[in-house]
Amino acid sequence: MKTRMIGLLMLGLFILSASSCSILPQSLPPAVHDFGYVTSDSPSEISTSAPQSLITVAAPKWLADNRIRYRLLYATPTQVRFYSLDRWIASPPELFEQMLNNSGKQWLAPITIKLHVFEQQFDTANQAKVVMHFTASTIPDDNKHKANKRDFHLQFPCPTPDAKGAVTGFTHLTKQAVDKIQAWLMETN
């Protein structure tokens, strides 16, 4: 009788373990995001005839990975958290640099950007914004232009208080940053 119980128990465990593959939720790989297309033009329509000045984006070590950061200002404002199922396809400095260099904008001089903050911030559990702080510096490559420097503090409300809202917000915010950098450069020349 005892042997039969052990046999039935073993059979039950085997069936349970075999069926658990289809019953239990599967672990999904992280979703990978970027900022979307830089322009609405197709790649073949973007003019590459004029040489672009080189734009470089640098950041502290903690911004050099592909995790999407957020902060709960209403609960623990000093704690930086990360979404576990969503990632950037590359680090924020790399994505921002690529967006600037592929924007189709004509930059008058080489630009160096130091990215200081790039995170989603929750004011309440249901209200979030994305925040970007960076310093842009021009590096004149001729005697006609002087070096300029400016701090940018940008933010954009997230449409939803989650990873999807952060990605959507950063897509808008980085495009806004490209336009603000170009406007600043036009003012200084």
Protein backbone atom coordinates (compact mmCIF):
# COMPACT_ATOMS: atom_id res chain seq x y z
CA MET A 1 0.00 0.00 0.00
CA LYS A 2 2.82 2.37 0.94
CA THR A 3 4.64 1.61 -2.31
CA ARG A 4 1.49 2.25 -4.31
CA MET A 5 1.00 5.65 -2.55
CA ILE A 6 4.57 6.63 -3.33
CA GLY A 7 4.05 5.55 -6.95
CA LEU A 8 0.87 7.62 -7.25
CA LEU A 9 2.57 10.56 -5.59
CA MET A 10 5.51 10.32 -8.02
CA LEU A 11 3.11 10.05 -10.98
CA GLY A 12 1.20 13.10 -9.72
CA LEU A 13 4.41 15.11 -9.36
CA PHE A 14 5.50 14.08 -12.86
CA ILE A 15 2.16 15.17 -14.35
CA LEU A 16 2.22 18.40 -12.38
CA SER A 17 5.76 19.24 -13.45
CA ALA A 18 5.03 18.37 -17.08
CA SER A 19 1.87 20.46 -17.15
CA SER A 20 3.38 23.38 -15.26
CA CYS A 21 5.18 24.38 -18.41
CA SER A 22 1.87 25.36 -19.94
CA ILE A 23 -0.02 26.41 -16.80
CA LEU A 24 2.47 28.75 -15.11
CA PRO A 25 3.17 32.13 -16.76
CA GLN A 26 6.24 32.20 -18.93
CA SER A 27 9.05 34.60 -18.12
CA LEU A 28 9.09 37.22 -20.86
CA PRO A 29 12.26 38.83 -22.12
CA PRO A 30 12.51 42.58 -21.53
CA ALA A 31 10.92 44.87 -24.12
CA VAL A 32 13.56 46.94 -25.89
CA HIS A 33 12.84 50.59 -26.79
CA ASP A 34 14.40 53.47 -28.68
CA PHE A 35 13.13 56.98 -29.52
CA GLY A 36 11.46 55.91 -32.77
CA TYR A 37 12.19 57.48 -36.11
CA VAL A 38 14.06 60.77 -35.96
CA THR A 39 12.03 62.37 -38.75
CA SER A 40 8.89 61.48 -40.63
CA ASP A 41 10.91 61.33 -43.86
CA SER A 42 12.02 57.99 -45.14
CA PRO A 43 15.77 57.34 -44.86
CA SER A 44 16.22 57.78 -48.61
CA GLU A 45 14.75 61.32 -48.42
CA ILE A 46 17.13 62.58 -45.73
CA SER A 47 19.81 64.76 -47.29
CA THR A 48 23.35 63.79 -46.46
CA SER A 49 25.05 66.14 -48.92
CA ALA A 50 26.11 68.76 -46.33
CA PRO A 51 28.73 67.52 -43.86
CA GLN A 52 27.50 67.43 -40.27
CA SER A 53 29.51 68.70 -37.36
CA LEU A 54 30.26 65.96 -34.90
CA ILE A 55 28.06 65.87 -31.81
CA THR A 56 29.15 63.81 -28.84
CA VAL A 57 27.16 63.01 -25.72
CA ALA A 58 28.90 61.98 -22.51
CA ALA A 59 27.36 60.95 -19.20
CA PRO A 60 28.36 59.72 -15.75
CA LYS A 61 28.92 56.01 -15.32
CA TRP A 62 25.49 55.43 -13.79
CA LEU A 63 23.76 56.62 -16.98
CA ALA A 64 25.87 54.42 -19.23
CA ASP A 65 23.58 51.38 -19.21
CA ASN A 66 20.28 50.63 -20.89
CA ARG A 67 17.97 50.52 -17.87
CA ILE A 68 14.95 52.85 -17.74
CA ARG A 69 15.21 54.75 -14.46
CA TYR A 70 12.44 56.18 -12.34
CA ARG A 71 12.10 57.86 -8.97
CA LEU A 72 9.12 58.07 -6.59
CA LEU A 73 9.39 61.69 -5.43
CA TYR A 74 6.32 61.35 -3.21
CA ALA A 75 7.64 58.31 -1.29
CA THR A 76 11.40 57.83 -1.55
CA PRO A 77 12.90 60.70 -3.56
CA THR A 78 16.51 59.56 -3.06
CA GLN A 79 15.95 56.02 -4.34
CA VAL A 80 16.51 55.34 -8.04
CA ARG A 81 14.53 52.38 -9.37
CA PHE A 82 14.55 50.50 -12.66
CA TYR A 83 11.84 48.86 -14.74
CA SER A 84 12.49 45.12 -14.89
CA LEU A 85 10.66 44.32 -18.15
CA ASP A 86 11.62 47.38 -20.22
CA ARG A 87 15.04 48.53 -21.43
CA TRP A 88 16.52 51.00 -23.88
CA ILE A 89 18.16 49.40 -26.90
CA ALA A 90 21.33 51.34 -25.98
CA SER A 91 22.30 53.71 -23.19
CA PRO A 92 20.51 57.10 -23.07
CA PRO A 93 23.70 59.00 -24.03
CA GLU A 94 24.14 56.79 -27.11
CA LEU A 95 20.50 57.14 -28.14
CA PHE A 96 20.54 60.92 -27.67
CA GLU A 97 23.80 61.26 -29.62
CA GLN A 98 22.41 59.20 -32.47
CA MET A 99 19.23 61.29 -32.53
CA LEU A 100 21.22 64.54 -32.66
CA ASN A 101 23.57 63.33 -35.39
CA ASN A 102 20.73 61.89 -37.49
CA SER A 103 18.26 64.74 -36.96
CA GLY A 104 18.86 66.33 -40.35
CA LYS A 105 19.66 69.62 -38.58
CA GLN A 106 22.63 71.66 -39.77
CA TRP A 107 24.90 72.24 -36.77
CA LEU A 108 27.18 75.25 -37.10
CA ALA A 109 29.99 73.87 -34.94
CA PRO A 110 30.89 70.65 -33.16
CA ILE A 111 28.91 70.20 -29.94
CA THR A 112 29.72 68.34 -26.75
CA ILE A 113 26.83 67.43 -24.48
CA LYS A 114 27.16 66.28 -20.88
CA LEU A 115 24.01 64.44 -19.83
CA HIS A 116 23.35 64.86 -16.09
CA VAL A 117 19.80 63.55 -15.52
CA PHE A 118 17.66 61.26 -17.65
CA GLU A 119 14.86 59.70 -15.61
CA GLN A 120 11.14 59.40 -15.04
CA GLN A 121 9.89 61.07 -11.86
CA PHE A 122 6.61 60.29 -10.12
CA ASP A 123 5.04 63.26 -8.29
CA THR A 124 2.20 60.95 -7.18
CA ALA A 125 1.41 57.30 -7.85
CA ASN A 126 -0.70 58.35 -10.86
CA GLN A 127 1.29 61.29 -12.20
CA ALA A 128 4.75 61.13 -13.74
CA LYS A 129 7.05 63.21 -15.91
CA VAL A 130 10.32 62.57 -17.69
CA VAL A 131 13.23 64.84 -16.82
CA MET A 132 16.37 65.60 -18.76
CA HIS A 133 19.20 67.89 -17.66
CA PHE A 134 22.27 68.42 -19.82
CA THR A 135 24.95 70.96 -20.60
CA ALA A 136 25.73 71.74 -24.24
CA SER A 137 29.03 73.29 -25.29
CA THR A 138 30.16 74.37 -28.73
CA ILE A 139 33.69 73.79 -29.88
CA PRO A 140 34.52 76.26 -32.65
CA ASP A 141 36.44 74.74 -35.51
CA ASP A 142 37.30 78.10 -37.06
CA ASN A 143 38.05 81.67 -36.01
CA LYS A 144 34.56 82.94 -36.89
CA HIS A 145 32.71 81.41 -33.94
CA LYS A 146 33.33 81.55 -30.20
CA ALA A 147 32.78 78.78 -27.66
CA ASN A 148 29.37 78.80 -26.00
CA LYS A 149 27.87 76.82 -23.16
CA ARG A 150 24.31 76.40 -21.87
CA ASP A 151 22.45 74.29 -19.32
CA PHE A 152 19.15 72.77 -20.37
CA HIS A 153 16.53 71.59 -17.85
CA LEU A 154 13.67 69.94 -19.71
CA GLN A 155 10.65 67.94 -18.61
CA PHE A 156 7.61 66.44 -20.27
CA PRO A 157 4.48 64.89 -18.69
CA CYS A 158 4.08 61.15 -19.21
CA PRO A 159 0.81 60.09 -20.80
CA THR A 160 0.70 57.10 -18.42
CA PRO A 161 2.53 56.47 -15.12
CA ASP A 162 4.49 53.41 -16.27
CA ALA A 163 7.35 52.29 -18.52
CA LYS A 164 5.32 52.88 -21.68
CA GLY A 165 4.62 56.44 -20.51
CA ALA A 166 8.34 56.97 -19.83
CA VAL A 167 9.31 55.81 -23.33
CA THR A 168 6.63 57.96 -24.96
CA GLY A 169 7.63 60.96 -22.83
CA PHE A 170 11.32 60.59 -23.62
CA THR A 171 10.57 60.27 -27.33
CA HIS A 172 8.88 63.69 -27.22
CA LEU A 173 11.42 65.20 -24.81
CA THR A 174 14.51 64.25 -26.82
CA LYS A 175 12.98 65.66 -30.01
CA GLN A 176 12.21 68.85 -28.06
CA ALA A 177 15.84 68.90 -26.86
CA VAL A 178 17.13 68.70 -30.44
CA ASP A 179 14.99 71.71 -31.40
CA LYS A 180 16.04 73.70 -28.30
CA ILE A 181 19.73 73.06 -28.98
CA GLN A 182 19.35 74.24 -32.56
CA ALA A 183 17.43 77.36 -31.48
CA TRP A 184 20.13 78.15 -28.90
CA LEU A 185 22.85 77.82 -31.53
CA MET A 186 20.96 80.13 -33.89
CA GLU A 187 20.68 82.74 -31.08
CA THR A 188 24.41 82.65 -30.34
CA ASN A 189 25.51 83.17 -33.95
